[in-house]
Amino acid sequence: MLSLPKTVSNRRMKEEADFKSIIRLDSEINQIQDYDLLLERILFEARRVVKADAGSIYITVPTEAGEEGTEKLSIKYSQNDTIQKNLPSGQKMIYSIFSVLINDQSISGYCALKRTLINIHDMYNIPEDVPYSFNSSFDTITGYKTVSSLTIPLIATDKRLMGVIQVLNSMDDSGNIVPFSADDELVLTHFATNATMVLQRAYITRAMILRMIKMSELRDPKETGTHVNRVAGYAVDIYDRWAYHHKIPLEEKEKYRDILKISSMLHDVGKVAIPDAILKKPSRFTPEEYLIMQNHTLYGASLFHDTSSPVDLLAKEIALTHHENWDGTGYPGWVDPCTGKVEKADENGKPLGKKGEEIPLGGRIVAIADVYDALCSKRVYKDPWAENDVLMELRKLSGSKFDPELIEIFFEILPNIKQTQNSYPEETEQY
């Protein structure tokens, strides 16, 4: 029996390993429902499949007045194993939030413009006959040297450009930086094609949720797409750190953070059932009006009564409990959201408030995220609070309104909270 030459045999083994890896990745990313978390995972897996030390993923967003074209690239996630290893355990890397015009001046912009893969072996020796150049300012600031790069467009089945993946510094088995190979190009192209199809599904899900939020916004100007995106982002930031402290297994953590991101966006959807005279009132509520307003928690939870999925179940919990207080003084308390029946009452027959860990984790997390964003944001009836005043208020309410452990976590990850805040500025909405 003839045996294959060693080089051919090794190549075939690598191809089989790449093929199995792609099948595994396709299966794993199909489990993720949230658009943002899917982008983060796609970047991570794209780097892993071609052994890239770092990388970024961009999405297309509308350009602003005075900018060229109708769309530009906005960075969503950036990852760097070398920098991450130098951070304290459990801390997330902070990266700059910026946009890139879709033109021939930058590598990612050219990739998007021409819709073509770009493989650069040495970023500091780019051929002079190409129009794009490498901005080395990040390397200068961080001390991290970018050498090799592979940039590929994410193109939907309807030919729409969804974004760009750029992976950096391919690493060999000895930890040396090497160019990305032709095989890496094939593997990443295949992965990007499959990932884009999953991304389209998540994009549609996100769009449907934001349409529900838009309906709420027509009733309540406070309930904006950017507000719920920020609240959901803060919630995941807080949960990630909580999961780290509690040593939650990775698979369990990934599943929960996915449904938390979607469910927390729907925390105030029950406001659609509140009368306009109360919902849009620009001044303080009367005691009677405040009681009616409190019912938005029950209305919201009742929308998810037929809990056919983990998202429905968590959305119901969060809608119902995000106004409960750690000390039991919140609302609506022990009330069945579908029947209105009081399940636990005080001596006067009024529902007791849920307190401490009687309040589900998702409700306790979103309570902090929602109040923080509300205080930081401008409303028709108030200006945004100064940052220091907001932080002092959260500290003051620790142990009464808020779970004290989660407040400590909030302050641990404040740089990440600020980055999420900057990702969703009030003047623009990003899916």
Protein backbone atom coordinates (compact mmCIF):
# COMPACT_ATOMS: atom_id res chain seq x y z
CA MET A 1 0.00 0.00 0.00
CA LEU A 2 1.41 3.37 -1.03
CA SER A 3 1.84 5.98 1.68
CA LEU A 4 1.47 9.69 1.10
CA PRO A 5 4.55 11.91 1.38
CA LYS A 6 4.81 13.45 4.87
CA THR A 7 4.21 17.01 3.64
CA VAL A 8 1.06 15.94 1.77
CA SER A 9 -0.13 13.92 4.75
CA ASN A 10 0.39 16.86 7.13
CA ARG A 11 -1.45 19.19 4.76
CA ARG A 12 -4.40 16.80 4.52
CA MET A 13 -4.53 16.48 8.32
CA LYS A 14 -4.56 20.25 8.63
CA GLU A 15 -7.36 20.55 6.06
CA GLU A 16 -9.41 17.96 7.95
CA ALA A 17 -8.79 19.79 11.23
CA ASP A 18 -9.81 23.09 9.64
CA PHE A 19 -12.96 21.50 8.22
CA LYS A 20 -13.94 20.02 11.61
CA SER A 21 -13.22 23.35 13.26
CA ILE A 22 -15.50 25.20 10.83
CA ILE A 23 -18.32 22.69 11.45
CA ARG A 24 -17.92 23.16 15.21
CA LEU A 25 -17.88 26.95 14.89
CA ASP A 26 -20.96 26.98 12.67
CA SER A 27 -22.83 24.97 15.29
CA GLU A 28 -21.67 27.15 18.21
CA ILE A 29 -22.41 30.55 16.72
CA ASN A 30 -25.85 29.34 15.63
CA GLN A 31 -26.74 29.08 19.32
CA ILE A 32 -26.23 32.82 19.90
CA GLN A 33 -29.30 35.01 19.46
CA ASP A 34 -28.16 38.53 20.35
CA TYR A 35 -26.63 40.58 17.53
CA ASP A 36 -23.93 42.30 19.58
CA LEU A 37 -22.81 39.17 21.41
CA LEU A 38 -22.73 37.32 18.11
CA LEU A 39 -20.39 39.96 16.65
CA GLU A 40 -18.11 39.53 19.66
CA ARG A 41 -18.12 35.75 19.31
CA ILE A 42 -17.56 35.86 15.55
CA LEU A 43 -14.44 37.95 16.06
CA PHE A 44 -13.17 35.60 18.77
CA GLU A 45 -13.74 32.49 16.65
CA ALA A 46 -12.34 34.10 13.50
CA ARG A 47 -9.13 34.82 15.39
CA ARG A 48 -9.01 31.35 16.86
CA VAL A 49 -9.50 29.55 13.55
CA VAL A 50 -6.51 31.33 11.94
CA LYS A 51 -4.46 31.67 15.17
CA ALA A 52 -4.57 35.46 15.20
CA ASP A 53 -3.34 37.26 18.31
CA ALA A 54 -5.64 40.26 17.84
CA GLY A 55 -8.40 41.68 15.68
CA SER A 56 -11.42 43.95 15.30
CA ILE A 57 -14.90 43.67 13.85
CA TYR A 58 -16.72 46.60 12.24
CA ILE A 59 -20.33 47.06 11.20
CA THR A 60 -21.75 49.42 8.58
CA VAL A 61 -23.66 52.42 9.94
CA PRO A 62 -25.07 55.52 8.22
CA THR A 63 -22.68 58.40 7.64
CA GLU A 64 -23.35 61.77 9.23
CA ALA A 65 -23.84 65.14 7.55
CA GLY A 66 -20.68 66.25 5.77
CA GLU A 67 -19.16 62.76 5.51
CA GLU A 68 -18.65 61.06 2.16
CA GLY A 69 -20.88 58.21 1.05
CA THR A 70 -24.00 56.85 2.72
CA GLU A 71 -22.34 54.30 5.02
CA LYS A 72 -19.17 54.00 7.08
CA LEU A 73 -17.58 51.33 9.26
CA SER A 74 -17.97 51.57 13.03
CA ILE A 75 -15.85 49.40 15.31
CA LYS A 76 -17.90 47.13 17.56
CA TYR A 77 -15.33 44.92 19.24
CA SER A 78 -11.57 44.74 19.46
CA GLN A 79 -9.62 41.87 21.01
CA ASN A 80 -5.92 41.41 21.74
CA ASP A 81 -4.60 38.36 23.56
CA THR A 82 -1.20 39.89 24.30
CA ILE A 83 -2.68 43.00 25.90
CA GLN A 84 -5.40 40.97 27.67
CA LYS A 85 -2.78 38.74 29.33
CA ASN A 86 -1.22 41.80 30.96
CA LEU A 87 -4.51 42.88 32.57
CA PRO A 88 -5.68 41.76 36.03
CA SER A 89 -7.63 38.51 35.96
CA GLY A 90 -11.25 39.01 34.92
CA GLN A 91 -10.75 42.56 33.62
CA LYS A 92 -11.83 43.37 30.07
CA MET A 93 -9.68 45.28 27.62
CA ILE A 94 -10.73 48.86 26.89
CA TYR A 95 -10.48 49.93 23.26
CA SER A 96 -11.19 53.09 21.30
CA ILE A 97 -14.61 53.62 19.73
CA PHE A 98 -14.16 55.08 16.25
CA SER A 99 -15.46 54.98 12.69
CA VAL A 100 -13.74 54.51 9.33
CA LEU A 101 -14.99 55.92 6.03
CA ILE A 102 -15.57 53.41 3.28
CA ASN A 103 -12.94 54.59 0.84
CA ASP A 104 -9.50 53.57 -0.40
CA GLN A 105 -7.51 55.36 2.32
CA SER A 106 -7.59 52.70 5.05
CA ILE A 107 -7.22 48.92 4.85
CA SER A 108 -10.65 48.17 6.31
CA GLY A 109 -12.25 50.95 4.26
CA TYR A 110 -10.70 49.61 1.05
CA CYS A 111 -11.79 46.07 1.93
CA ALA A 112 -15.37 47.33 2.34
CA LEU A 113 -15.24 49.52 -0.77
CA LYS A 114 -13.93 46.78 -3.06
CA ARG A 115 -15.54 43.93 -1.13
CA THR A 116 -12.34 41.98 -1.34
CA LEU A 117 -10.02 40.15 1.01
CA ILE A 118 -6.72 41.89 1.82
CA ASN A 119 -3.76 39.89 3.12
CA ILE A 120 -0.79 42.02 4.27
CA HIS A 121 2.39 40.26 5.41
CA ASP A 122 4.03 43.31 6.98
CA MET A 123 1.97 46.35 7.92
CA TYR A 124 5.10 48.51 8.06
CA ASN A 125 6.12 47.55 4.52
CA ILE A 126 2.93 47.91 2.51
CA PRO A 127 3.62 48.12 -1.25
CA GLU A 128 3.69 51.69 -2.57
CA ASP A 129 1.34 50.90 -5.47
CA VAL A 130 -1.75 50.49 -3.23
CA PRO A 131 -3.85 53.50 -2.17
CA TYR A 132 -4.38 52.52 1.47
CA SER A 133 -1.96 52.91 4.36
CA PHE A 134 -1.53 51.66 7.92
CA ASN A 135 -2.26 53.98 10.85
CA SER A 136 0.39 53.00 13.40
CA SER A 137 -0.86 55.34 16.16
CA PHE A 138 -2.42 52.44 18.10
CA ASP A 139 0.93 50.63 18.09
CA THR A 140 2.67 53.78 19.31
CA ILE A 141 0.20 54.30 22.17
CA THR A 142 0.10 50.68 23.37
CA GLY A 143 3.59 49.45 22.49
CA TYR A 144 2.00 46.55 20.62
CA LYS A 145 3.44 46.00 17.14
CA THR A 146 1.07 44.95 14.38
CA VAL A 147 2.81 42.93 11.69
CA SER A 148 0.52 40.69 9.65
CA SER A 149 -3.15 41.30 8.90
CA LEU A 150 -6.02 39.62 7.10
CA THR A 151 -9.12 41.69 6.38
CA ILE A 152 -12.34 40.31 4.91
CA PRO A 153 -15.78 41.79 4.18
CA LEU A 154 -19.01 40.42 5.67
CA ILE A 155 -21.47 40.33 2.76
CA ALA A 156 -25.11 39.30 3.26
CA THR A 157 -26.99 36.98 0.93
CA ASP A 158 -28.72 40.02 -0.56
CA LYS A 159 -25.24 41.47 -1.36
CA ARG A 160 -25.53 44.07 1.41
CA LEU A 161 -22.26 44.90 3.19
CA MET A 162 -22.75 44.13 6.87
CA GLY A 163 -19.24 44.89 8.05
CA VAL A 164 -15.60 43.85 8.04
CA ILE A 165 -13.45 41.47 10.10
CA GLN A 166 -9.76 42.28 10.51
CA VAL A 167 -7.49 39.77 12.25
CA LEU A 168 -3.93 40.64 13.20
CA ASN A 169 -0.63 38.86 13.84
CA SER A 170 -0.90 35.21 12.90
CA MET A 171 1.02 33.12 15.45
CA ASP A 172 2.93 29.92 14.68
CA ASP A 173 3.28 27.03 17.14
CA SER A 174 6.35 28.68 18.69
CA GLY A 175 4.57 31.97 19.33
CA ASN A 176 6.25 33.84 16.48
CA ILE A 177 4.34 36.29 14.29
CA VAL A 178 4.03 34.99 10.73
CA PRO A 179 2.04 36.03 7.63
CA PHE A 180 -1.46 34.68 7.15
CA SER A 181 -1.35 31.84 4.63
CA ALA A 182 -3.46 31.04 1.58
CA ASP A 183 -5.11 28.31 3.68
CA ASP A 184 -5.99 30.95 6.29
CA GLU A 185 -7.65 32.98 3.55
CA LEU A 186 -9.79 30.01 2.50
CA VAL A 187 -10.75 29.08 6.06
CA LEU A 188 -11.62 32.64 7.08
CA THR A 189 -13.59 33.24 3.88
CA HIS A 190 -15.66 30.12 4.51
CA PHE A 191 -16.18 31.03 8.16
CA ALA A 192 -17.15 34.62 7.29
CA THR A 193 -19.72 33.39 4.75
CA ASN A 194 -21.42 31.15 7.30
CA ALA A 195 -21.11 33.70 10.10
CA THR A 196 -22.76 36.37 7.97
CA MET A 197 -25.83 34.19 7.47
CA VAL A 198 -26.17 33.75 11.24
CA LEU A 199 -25.54 37.46 11.69
CA GLN A 200 -28.39 38.28 9.33
CA ARG A 201 -30.77 36.25 11.49
CA ALA A 202 -29.60 38.03 14.65
CA TYR A 203 -29.90 41.39 12.86
CA ILE A 204 -33.53 40.66 12.04
CA THR A 205 -34.21 39.65 15.66
CA ARG A 206 -32.60 42.86 16.91
CA ALA A 207 -34.58 44.92 14.38
CA MET A 208 -37.85 43.34 15.55
CA ILE A 209 -37.02 44.10 19.19
CA LEU A 210 -36.14 47.70 18.35
CA ARG A 211 -39.43 48.06 16.48
CA MET A 212 -41.19 47.02 19.69
CA ILE A 213 -39.11 49.63 21.52
CA LYS A 214 -40.04 52.17 18.83
CA MET A 215 -43.71 51.54 19.56
CA SER A 216 -42.98 52.28 23.21
CA GLU A 217 -41.04 55.37 22.17
CA LEU A 218 -44.08 56.70 20.31
CA ARG A 219 -45.87 56.56 23.66
CA ASP A 220 -42.94 57.38 25.96
CA PRO A 221 -40.10 59.60 24.66
CA LYS A 222 -37.80 58.26 27.40
CA GLU A 223 -37.90 54.73 25.98
CA THR A 224 -35.43 55.09 23.09
CA GLY A 225 -33.46 52.52 21.14
CA THR A 226 -30.18 53.94 22.41
CA HIS A 227 -31.43 53.81 26.01
CA VAL A 228 -32.35 50.13 25.85
CA ASN A 229 -29.13 49.27 24.00
CA ARG A 230 -27.10 50.95 26.73
CA VAL A 231 -29.10 49.31 29.53
CA ALA A 232 -28.65 45.91 27.90
CA GLY A 233 -24.94 46.55 27.42
CA TYR A 234 -24.46 47.61 31.05
CA ALA A 235 -26.41 44.54 32.18
CA VAL A 236 -24.08 42.18 30.34
CA ASP A 237 -21.02 44.05 31.60
CA ILE A 238 -22.23 43.66 35.20
CA TYR A 239 -23.22 40.01 34.72
CA ASP A 240 -19.86 39.08 33.19
CA ARG A 241 -18.04 40.34 36.28
CA TRP A 242 -20.57 38.73 38.62
CA ALA A 243 -20.11 35.41 36.78
CA TYR A 244 -16.33 35.76 37.10
CA HIS A 245 -16.58 36.29 40.88
CA HIS A 246 -19.01 33.37 41.25
CA LYS A 247 -16.95 31.07 39.00
CA ILE A 248 -19.91 30.37 36.70
CA PRO A 249 -19.00 27.69 34.09
CA LEU A 250 -18.29 29.16 30.65
CA GLU A 251 -21.16 27.41 28.86
CA GLU A 252 -23.69 28.54 31.47
CA LYS A 253 -22.28 32.08 31.42
CA GLU A 254 -22.47 32.34 27.62
CA LYS A 255 -26.08 31.16 27.51
CA TYR A 256 -27.24 33.51 30.24
CA ARG A 257 -25.49 36.61 28.93
CA ASP A 258 -27.06 35.99 25.51
CA ILE A 259 -30.64 35.88 26.77
CA LEU A 260 -29.92 38.66 29.29
CA LYS A 261 -28.88 41.01 26.49
CA ILE A 262 -32.14 40.48 24.61
CA SER A 263 -34.44 40.30 27.64
CA SER A 264 -33.11 43.44 29.33
CA MET A 265 -33.94 45.50 26.23
CA LEU A 266 -37.62 44.74 26.92
CA HIS A 267 -37.64 45.79 30.57
CA ASP A 268 -40.11 48.67 30.12
CA VAL A 269 -42.23 47.33 27.26
CA GLY A 270 -45.27 47.29 29.57
CA LYS A 271 -45.42 51.09 29.43
CA VAL A 272 -47.42 50.76 26.20
CA ALA A 273 -50.44 50.05 28.42
CA ILE A 274 -50.09 53.19 30.57
CA PRO A 275 -52.40 56.15 29.68
CA ASP A 276 -50.75 59.07 27.87
CA ALA A 277 -51.88 61.55 30.54
CA ILE A 278 -49.61 59.75 33.00
CA LEU A 279 -46.87 58.39 30.75
CA LYS A 280 -46.12 61.76 29.14
CA LYS A 281 -46.65 63.91 32.20
CA PRO A 282 -43.59 66.22 32.49
CA SER A 283 -43.99 66.78 36.23
CA ARG A 284 -44.10 64.67 39.38
CA PHE A 285 -46.88 62.05 39.61
CA THR A 286 -49.62 62.24 42.18
CA PRO A 287 -49.78 59.18 44.51
CA GLU A 288 -52.67 57.83 42.45
CA GLU A 289 -50.82 58.32 39.17
CA TYR A 290 -47.71 56.70 40.59
CA LEU A 291 -49.70 53.58 41.49
CA ILE A 292 -51.00 53.36 37.91
CA MET A 293 -47.48 53.85 36.54
CA GLN A 294 -46.22 50.99 38.66
CA ASN A 295 -48.49 48.65 36.76
CA HIS A 296 -46.17 48.76 33.73
CA THR A 297 -44.17 46.03 35.45
CA LEU A 298 -47.23 43.76 35.57
CA TYR A 299 -48.29 44.61 32.01
CA GLY A 300 -44.80 43.93 30.70
CA ALA A 301 -44.49 40.60 32.50
CA SER A 302 -47.92 39.49 31.30
CA LEU A 303 -46.76 39.86 27.69
CA PHE A 304 -44.37 36.97 28.29
CA HIS A 305 -46.79 34.76 30.22
CA ASP A 306 -46.62 32.00 27.62
CA THR A 307 -42.94 31.34 28.29
CA SER A 308 -42.00 29.31 25.24
CA SER A 309 -38.27 30.06 25.44
CA PRO A 310 -35.56 31.05 27.95
CA VAL A 311 -35.73 34.60 26.53
CA ASP A 312 -39.45 34.81 27.35
CA LEU A 313 -38.84 33.56 30.88
CA LEU A 314 -36.04 36.02 31.63
CA ALA A 315 -37.87 38.91 29.90
CA LYS A 316 -40.86 38.21 32.16
CA GLU A 317 -38.66 38.19 35.28
CA ILE A 318 -36.89 41.42 34.37
CA ALA A 319 -40.03 43.30 33.32
CA LEU A 320 -41.68 42.26 36.57
CA THR A 321 -38.84 42.84 39.05
CA HIS A 322 -36.55 45.65 37.81
CA HIS A 323 -38.29 48.11 40.18
CA GLU A 324 -38.04 45.88 43.24
CA ASN A 325 -35.68 47.17 45.94
CA TRP A 326 -33.08 45.19 47.84
CA ASP A 327 -34.71 46.20 51.16
CA GLY A 328 -38.21 45.19 50.05
CA THR A 329 -39.62 48.69 49.47
CA GLY A 330 -39.99 48.43 45.70
CA TYR A 331 -42.84 47.35 43.46
CA PRO A 332 -44.98 45.53 42.33
CA GLY A 333 -44.05 42.94 44.98
CA TRP A 334 -45.60 39.51 45.34
CA VAL A 335 -48.31 39.86 42.70
CA ASP A 336 -49.20 37.44 39.92
CA PRO A 337 -48.81 39.57 36.73
CA CYS A 338 -51.50 37.68 34.84
CA THR A 339 -54.27 37.46 37.43
CA GLY A 340 -53.33 40.43 39.65
CA LYS A 341 -53.68 38.11 42.66
CA VAL A 342 -51.58 39.12 45.69
CA GLU A 343 -49.37 36.17 46.62
CA LYS A 344 -47.86 37.60 49.84
CA ALA A 345 -49.45 40.48 51.73
CA ASP A 346 -48.84 42.64 54.80
CA GLU A 347 -51.33 43.12 57.62
CA ASN A 348 -53.25 45.63 55.47
CA GLY A 349 -53.57 43.24 52.54
CA LYS A 350 -51.06 45.12 50.38
CA PRO A 351 -48.49 43.08 48.47
CA LEU A 352 -45.14 42.66 50.18
CA GLY A 353 -42.17 43.76 48.13
CA LYS A 354 -39.62 41.21 47.07
CA LYS A 355 -36.30 41.76 48.78
CA GLY A 356 -32.71 40.55 48.66
CA GLU A 357 -32.22 37.43 46.62
CA GLU A 358 -35.98 36.97 46.31
CA ILE A 359 -35.47 39.36 43.40
CA PRO A 360 -34.07 37.40 40.42
CA LEU A 361 -30.51 38.23 39.38
CA GLY A 362 -31.63 39.73 36.05
CA GLY A 363 -34.01 42.13 37.80
CA ARG A 364 -31.33 43.21 40.29
CA ILE A 365 -28.83 43.85 37.48
CA VAL A 366 -31.22 45.77 35.23
CA ALA A 367 -32.36 47.91 38.18
CA ILE A 368 -28.83 49.34 38.43
CA ALA A 369 -28.33 49.64 34.67
CA ASP A 370 -31.68 51.38 34.15
CA VAL A 371 -31.24 53.95 36.95
CA TYR A 372 -27.65 54.71 35.94
CA ASP A 373 -28.64 55.42 32.35
CA ALA A 374 -31.72 57.42 33.33
CA LEU A 375 -29.70 59.69 35.62
CA CYS A 376 -26.98 60.18 32.99
CA SER A 377 -29.45 61.01 30.21
CA LYS A 378 -31.24 64.22 29.25
CA ARG A 379 -35.01 64.07 29.40
CA VAL A 380 -37.73 66.58 28.55
CA TYR A 381 -38.21 67.18 32.26
CA LYS A 382 -34.55 67.18 33.39
CA ASP A 383 -30.94 67.71 32.40
CA PRO A 384 -28.43 64.87 32.79
CA TRP A 385 -26.84 64.59 36.21
CA ALA A 386 -23.11 65.20 36.60
CA GLU A 387 -21.18 61.92 36.53
CA ASN A 388 -19.93 62.27 40.11
CA ASP A 389 -23.47 62.93 41.35
CA VAL A 390 -24.74 59.81 39.58
CA LEU A 391 -22.01 57.64 41.10
CA MET A 392 -22.61 59.09 44.58
CA GLU A 393 -26.32 58.33 44.24
CA LEU A 394 -25.64 54.69 43.32
CA ARG A 395 -23.30 54.36 46.31
CA LYS A 396 -25.89 55.92 48.60
CA LEU A 397 -28.59 53.48 47.45
CA SER A 398 -26.40 50.39 47.87
CA GLY A 399 -28.06 48.02 50.31
CA SER A 400 -31.41 49.80 50.20
CA LYS A 401 -32.47 50.06 46.57
CA PHE A 402 -29.65 48.03 45.00
CA ASP A 403 -27.88 44.73 45.63
CA PRO A 404 -24.67 45.84 47.39
CA GLU A 405 -22.55 43.15 45.74
CA LEU A 406 -23.69 44.27 42.28
CA ILE A 407 -22.97 47.92 43.12
CA GLU A 408 -19.41 46.97 44.06
CA ILE A 409 -19.13 45.11 40.76
CA PHE A 410 -20.50 48.14 38.90
CA PHE A 411 -17.69 50.29 40.27
CA GLU A 412 -15.10 47.59 39.53
CA ILE A 413 -16.02 47.69 35.85
CA LEU A 414 -16.80 51.39 35.51
CA PRO A 415 -14.37 51.84 32.56
CA ASN A 416 -16.27 49.11 30.68
CA ILE A 417 -19.58 50.77 31.58
CA LYS A 418 -18.30 54.05 30.14
CA GLN A 419 -17.18 52.29 26.97
CA THR A 420 -20.64 50.77 26.51
CA GLN A 421 -22.14 54.22 27.09
CA ASN A 422 -19.91 55.68 24.37
CA SER A 423 -20.91 52.88 21.98
CA TYR A 424 -24.52 54.10 21.91
CA PRO A 425 -24.52 57.91 21.82
CA GLU A 426 -27.93 59.52 22.10
CA GLU A 427 -27.92 61.11 18.64
CA THR A 428 -27.53 57.87 16.68
CA GLU A 429 -28.96 54.39 16.89
CA GLN A 430 -26.88 51.36 15.98
CA TYR A 431 -28.19 47.88 15.53
